[in-house]
Amino acid sequence: MAGVSEQQRWTIGELARASGVTVRTLHHYDDIGLLTAGERTAAGHRRYTPRDLRRLYRIRALRTLGLSLEEIADLLADAPDDLDTLRELLKAQLRALETQAGRIQHLTRHITELLGRVDESTAPGPFLETLELMSMFETYFTEDEREQLARRRGELGPDQVEEAKARWTKLVEELLSHMDNDTPVDDPRVHELVTRWDAIATPFHTGEQTKTAARRMWLDHGGELARNLPWPTEKMTALVTYLERARHSAR
């Protein structure tokens, strides 16, 4: 190291001041065997050598890259200048950072959406209901599935989404009528309506897994999901059960 004589020695306090770390940190590094003073005086006091100082600066540099003390210890123990080991550690750290960046990006979108809903709300009630529904949605769909569903919805476009809503509304009315009239669930007319119901949902899903998750969510939380729909909550809850019975009768 430039400007440092190989004969120079530092006390723990002097090394702390020279390197910008605390004495407590140096004690901790010593305790875990990461950085031990190269020499001791006759009285047992630590004396750090230029080699120790170079090791300390390597430790600090690796810490800035996000490596843990355990990873740094393994790296320096294998070979202080082992570029292959360092390369693999840095690749692993880069992958972890990319994953973290993805999470931050997802959280940013999530919070942006929440802010938009806050701006649209005039009272805390609707906003809290939105939070509840979003939390419910995250329980039944993985992050990848939620992103796939959102991407699929975007690909379909607002016109197709509105057209599907209109067809779904008509189906709900027809199915509620059959339910109110006690039409058996194995009636061909009911089966035909259930087939159309599922066909409306198909373009919005990416496979059977998300379809199944959506049905399970409705079965478990139909009352909460139906709260903002134009039909009585108890009727929509009963309709979900009616639909499932019709599906089972068709198998």
Protein backbone atom coordinates (compact mmCIF):
# COMPACT_ATOMS: atom_id res chain seq x y z
CA MET A 1 0.00 0.00 0.00
CA ALA A 2 1.45 3.34 -1.09
CA GLY A 3 2.86 5.49 1.70
CA VAL A 4 2.85 2.64 4.22
CA SER A 5 6.09 1.09 5.44
CA GLU A 6 6.15 -2.66 5.98
CA GLN A 7 7.67 -1.95 9.40
CA GLN A 8 4.77 0.24 10.49
CA ARG A 9 2.45 -1.01 13.24
CA TRP A 10 -0.88 0.28 14.60
CA THR A 11 -2.74 -0.09 17.85
CA ILE A 12 -6.41 -0.94 17.55
CA GLY A 13 -7.33 2.71 18.16
CA GLU A 14 -4.86 3.95 15.56
CA LEU A 15 -6.16 1.44 12.99
CA ALA A 16 -9.73 2.49 13.69
CA ARG A 17 -8.90 6.15 13.07
CA ALA A 18 -6.82 5.38 9.98
CA SER A 19 -9.43 3.15 8.35
CA GLY A 20 -12.64 4.86 9.43
CA VAL A 21 -14.10 1.87 11.27
CA THR A 22 -14.90 1.73 14.96
CA VAL A 23 -12.87 -0.03 17.63
CA ARG A 24 -15.99 -2.05 18.40
CA THR A 25 -16.10 -3.28 14.79
CA LEU A 26 -12.45 -4.30 14.92
CA HIS A 27 -13.10 -6.21 18.15
CA HIS A 28 -16.00 -7.99 16.44
CA TYR A 29 -13.87 -8.87 13.41
CA ASP A 30 -11.28 -10.28 15.81
CA ASP A 31 -13.89 -12.29 17.74
CA ILE A 32 -15.17 -13.99 14.58
CA GLY A 33 -11.70 -14.53 13.16
CA LEU A 34 -12.20 -12.23 10.18
CA LEU A 35 -9.37 -9.83 11.05
CA THR A 36 -6.86 -10.72 13.73
CA ALA A 37 -3.90 -8.52 14.64
CA GLY A 38 -0.77 -9.92 13.06
CA GLU A 39 1.36 -9.23 16.14
CA ARG A 40 1.10 -8.84 19.89
CA THR A 41 3.33 -6.96 22.29
CA ALA A 42 4.94 -8.65 25.27
CA ALA A 43 2.05 -7.30 27.33
CA GLY A 44 -0.47 -8.88 24.94
CA HIS A 45 -1.65 -5.69 23.19
CA ARG A 46 -2.69 -5.94 19.55
CA ARG A 47 -0.44 -4.56 16.88
CA TYR A 48 -1.79 -4.45 13.33
CA THR A 49 0.59 -4.83 10.40
CA PRO A 50 0.37 -3.40 6.85
CA ARG A 51 -0.87 -6.82 5.75
CA ASP A 52 -3.71 -6.54 8.29
CA LEU A 53 -4.54 -3.07 6.98
CA ARG A 54 -4.74 -4.36 3.40
CA ARG A 55 -7.04 -7.16 4.57
CA LEU A 56 -9.24 -4.63 6.37
CA TYR A 57 -9.61 -2.54 3.23
CA ARG A 58 -10.55 -5.67 1.27
CA ILE A 59 -13.19 -6.47 3.89
CA ARG A 60 -14.61 -2.96 3.66
CA ALA A 61 -14.66 -3.06 -0.14
CA LEU A 62 -16.48 -6.40 -0.18
CA ARG A 63 -18.99 -5.14 2.40
CA THR A 64 -19.90 -2.25 0.11
CA LEU A 65 -20.80 -4.88 -2.52
CA GLY A 66 -23.33 -6.34 -0.11
CA LEU A 67 -21.46 -9.52 0.83
CA SER A 68 -22.05 -10.88 4.32
CA LEU A 69 -19.21 -11.26 6.80
CA GLU A 70 -19.49 -15.04 6.40
CA GLU A 71 -19.12 -14.78 2.62
CA ILE A 72 -16.16 -12.44 2.99
CA ALA A 73 -14.50 -14.80 5.47
CA ASP A 74 -14.92 -17.73 3.06
CA LEU A 75 -13.56 -15.71 0.16
CA LEU A 76 -10.50 -14.46 2.00
CA ALA A 77 -9.85 -17.86 3.59
CA ASP A 78 -9.82 -19.68 0.25
CA ALA A 79 -7.47 -17.24 -1.44
CA PRO A 80 -7.14 -13.49 -0.86
CA ASP A 81 -6.86 -12.88 -4.60
CA ASP A 82 -9.08 -15.69 -5.89
CA LEU A 83 -10.88 -13.98 -8.78
CA ASP A 84 -12.99 -17.04 -9.65
CA THR A 85 -14.47 -17.22 -6.16
CA LEU A 86 -15.03 -13.47 -6.12
CA ARG A 87 -16.69 -13.65 -9.54
CA GLU A 88 -19.19 -16.30 -8.37
CA LEU A 89 -19.97 -14.34 -5.21
CA LEU A 90 -20.54 -11.17 -7.20
CA LYS A 91 -22.79 -13.02 -9.67
CA ALA A 92 -24.86 -14.36 -6.77
CA GLN A 93 -25.03 -10.89 -5.26
CA LEU A 94 -26.11 -9.43 -8.61
CA ARG A 95 -28.91 -12.00 -8.89
CA ALA A 96 -30.08 -11.11 -5.38
CA LEU A 97 -30.06 -7.41 -6.24
CA GLU A 98 -32.04 -8.04 -9.43
CA THR A 99 -34.63 -9.99 -7.42
CA GLN A 100 -34.81 -7.17 -4.90
CA ALA A 101 -35.18 -4.64 -7.71
CA GLY A 102 -38.09 -6.67 -9.08
CA ARG A 103 -39.77 -6.63 -5.68
CA ILE A 104 -39.26 -2.88 -5.40
CA GLN A 105 -40.72 -2.39 -8.88
CA HIS A 106 -43.76 -4.49 -7.95
CA LEU A 107 -44.20 -2.59 -4.68
CA THR A 108 -43.91 0.72 -6.53
CA ARG A 109 -46.74 -0.27 -8.88
CA HIS A 110 -48.78 -1.51 -5.93
CA ILE A 111 -48.41 1.74 -3.99
CA THR A 112 -49.07 3.83 -7.12
CA GLU A 113 -52.34 1.95 -7.62
CA LEU A 114 -53.26 2.47 -3.96
CA LEU A 115 -52.56 6.21 -4.25
CA GLY A 116 -54.84 6.37 -7.26
CA ARG A 117 -57.59 4.68 -5.28
CA VAL A 118 -57.04 7.05 -2.35
CA ASP A 119 -57.48 9.99 -4.72
CA GLU A 120 -60.71 8.47 -6.05
CA SER A 121 -62.15 7.84 -2.58
CA THR A 122 -64.10 10.46 -0.66
CA ALA A 123 -64.41 8.36 2.49
CA PRO A 124 -62.16 5.80 4.20
CA GLY A 125 -64.74 2.99 3.91
CA PRO A 126 -64.41 2.27 0.15
CA PHE A 127 -60.65 2.57 0.32
CA LEU A 128 -60.43 0.10 3.21
CA GLU A 129 -62.65 -2.28 1.25
CA THR A 130 -60.24 -1.97 -1.67
CA LEU A 131 -57.31 -2.82 0.58
CA GLU A 132 -59.18 -5.84 1.87
CA LEU A 133 -59.93 -7.07 -1.65
CA MET A 134 -56.34 -6.53 -2.81
CA SER A 135 -55.06 -8.48 0.19
CA MET A 136 -57.53 -11.26 -0.59
CA PHE A 137 -56.38 -11.30 -4.23
CA GLU A 138 -52.76 -11.72 -3.15
CA THR A 139 -53.73 -14.68 -0.94
CA TYR A 140 -55.16 -16.71 -3.83
CA PHE A 141 -52.81 -15.74 -6.67
CA THR A 142 -49.02 -15.80 -6.73
CA GLU A 143 -47.13 -12.68 -7.73
CA ASP A 144 -46.39 -14.19 -11.16
CA GLU A 145 -50.07 -15.07 -11.63
CA ARG A 146 -51.18 -11.56 -10.65
CA GLU A 147 -48.74 -10.06 -13.15
CA GLN A 148 -49.93 -12.47 -15.87
CA LEU A 149 -53.58 -11.61 -15.20
CA ALA A 150 -52.84 -7.88 -15.30
CA ARG A 151 -50.86 -8.27 -18.52
CA ARG A 152 -53.66 -10.34 -20.07
CA ARG A 153 -56.24 -7.72 -19.14
CA GLY A 154 -54.05 -5.04 -20.72
CA GLU A 155 -53.67 -7.09 -23.90
CA LEU A 156 -57.45 -7.48 -24.21
CA GLY A 157 -57.98 -3.72 -23.92
CA PRO A 158 -60.75 -1.68 -22.30
CA ASP A 159 -63.34 -2.28 -25.05
CA GLN A 160 -63.17 -6.05 -24.73
CA VAL A 161 -63.19 -5.78 -20.93
CA GLU A 162 -66.37 -3.67 -20.98
CA GLU A 163 -68.00 -6.00 -23.51
CA ALA A 164 -67.23 -8.99 -21.26
CA LYS A 165 -68.72 -7.14 -18.26
CA ALA A 166 -71.94 -6.51 -20.18
CA ARG A 167 -72.25 -10.17 -21.21
CA TRP A 168 -71.47 -11.27 -17.65
CA THR A 169 -74.13 -8.95 -16.22
CA LYS A 170 -76.75 -10.50 -18.53
CA LEU A 171 -75.66 -14.00 -17.49
CA VAL A 172 -75.93 -13.13 -13.81
CA GLU A 173 -79.50 -11.95 -14.32
CA GLU A 174 -80.44 -15.12 -16.20
CA LEU A 175 -78.82 -17.41 -13.65
CA LEU A 176 -80.40 -15.56 -10.72
CA SER A 177 -83.76 -16.03 -12.39
CA HIS A 178 -83.20 -19.80 -12.66
CA MET A 179 -82.00 -19.93 -9.06
CA ASP A 180 -85.05 -18.01 -7.81
CA ASN A 181 -87.32 -20.34 -9.77
CA ASP A 182 -85.57 -23.41 -8.28
CA THR A 183 -84.46 -24.67 -11.68
CA PRO A 184 -82.49 -27.91 -11.04
CA VAL A 185 -78.73 -27.48 -11.43
CA ASP A 186 -78.63 -30.34 -13.94
CA ASP A 187 -81.09 -28.57 -16.25
CA PRO A 188 -79.56 -28.18 -19.75
CA ARG A 189 -80.48 -24.47 -19.75
CA VAL A 190 -78.43 -23.94 -16.59
CA HIS A 191 -75.51 -25.94 -17.99
CA GLU A 192 -75.55 -23.82 -21.15
CA LEU A 193 -75.41 -20.62 -19.07
CA VAL A 194 -72.54 -21.97 -16.93
CA THR A 195 -70.62 -22.88 -20.10
CA ARG A 196 -71.08 -19.31 -21.36
CA TRP A 197 -70.04 -17.95 -17.94
CA ASP A 198 -66.78 -19.90 -18.05
CA ALA A 199 -66.20 -18.90 -21.67
CA ILE A 200 -66.38 -15.22 -20.72
CA ALA A 201 -63.68 -15.73 -18.06
CA THR A 202 -61.34 -17.82 -20.21
CA PRO A 203 -59.69 -14.97 -22.18
CA PHE A 204 -58.77 -13.24 -18.90
CA HIS A 205 -56.91 -16.26 -17.52
CA THR A 206 -53.60 -17.83 -18.45
CA GLY A 207 -54.58 -21.41 -17.58
CA GLU A 208 -56.69 -23.67 -15.41
CA GLN A 209 -54.68 -22.79 -12.31
CA THR A 210 -55.82 -19.17 -12.20
CA LYS A 211 -59.39 -20.20 -13.08
CA THR A 212 -59.41 -22.62 -10.15
CA ALA A 213 -57.92 -20.00 -7.83
CA ALA A 214 -60.58 -17.48 -8.86
CA ARG A 215 -63.41 -19.94 -8.22
CA ARG A 216 -61.94 -20.85 -4.85
CA MET A 217 -61.69 -17.17 -3.91
CA TRP A 218 -65.34 -16.63 -4.82
CA LEU A 219 -66.42 -19.69 -2.84
CA ASP A 220 -64.49 -18.57 0.24
CA HIS A 221 -65.21 -14.83 0.05
CA GLY A 222 -68.24 -14.41 -2.20
CA GLY A 223 -69.90 -12.04 0.26
CA GLU A 224 -66.97 -9.62 0.38
CA LEU A 225 -66.41 -9.76 -3.39
CA ALA A 226 -70.09 -9.14 -4.11
CA ARG A 227 -70.31 -6.14 -1.80
CA ASN A 228 -69.88 -3.58 -4.58
CA LEU A 229 -72.00 -5.39 -7.18
CA PRO A 230 -75.55 -4.23 -8.06
CA TRP A 231 -77.16 -7.40 -6.66
CA PRO A 232 -77.83 -8.32 -3.01
CA THR A 233 -74.77 -9.89 -1.41
CA GLU A 234 -76.68 -12.94 -0.16
CA LYS A 235 -78.01 -13.61 -3.68
CA MET A 236 -74.52 -13.48 -5.21
CA THR A 237 -73.16 -15.76 -2.47
CA ALA A 238 -75.95 -18.25 -3.20
CA LEU A 239 -75.33 -17.94 -6.94
CA VAL A 240 -71.67 -18.95 -6.54
CA THR A 241 -72.80 -22.12 -4.75
CA TYR A 242 -75.46 -22.72 -7.43
CA LEU A 243 -72.80 -22.45 -10.15
CA GLU A 244 -70.52 -24.95 -8.41
CA ARG A 245 -73.36 -27.43 -8.00
CA ALA A 246 -74.17 -27.05 -11.73
CA ARG A 247 -70.52 -27.66 -12.66
CA HIS A 248 -70.38 -30.82 -10.53
CA SER A 249 -73.63 -32.13 -12.01
CA ALA A 250 -72.19 -31.78 -15.51
CA ARG A 251 -69.19 -34.02 -14.79
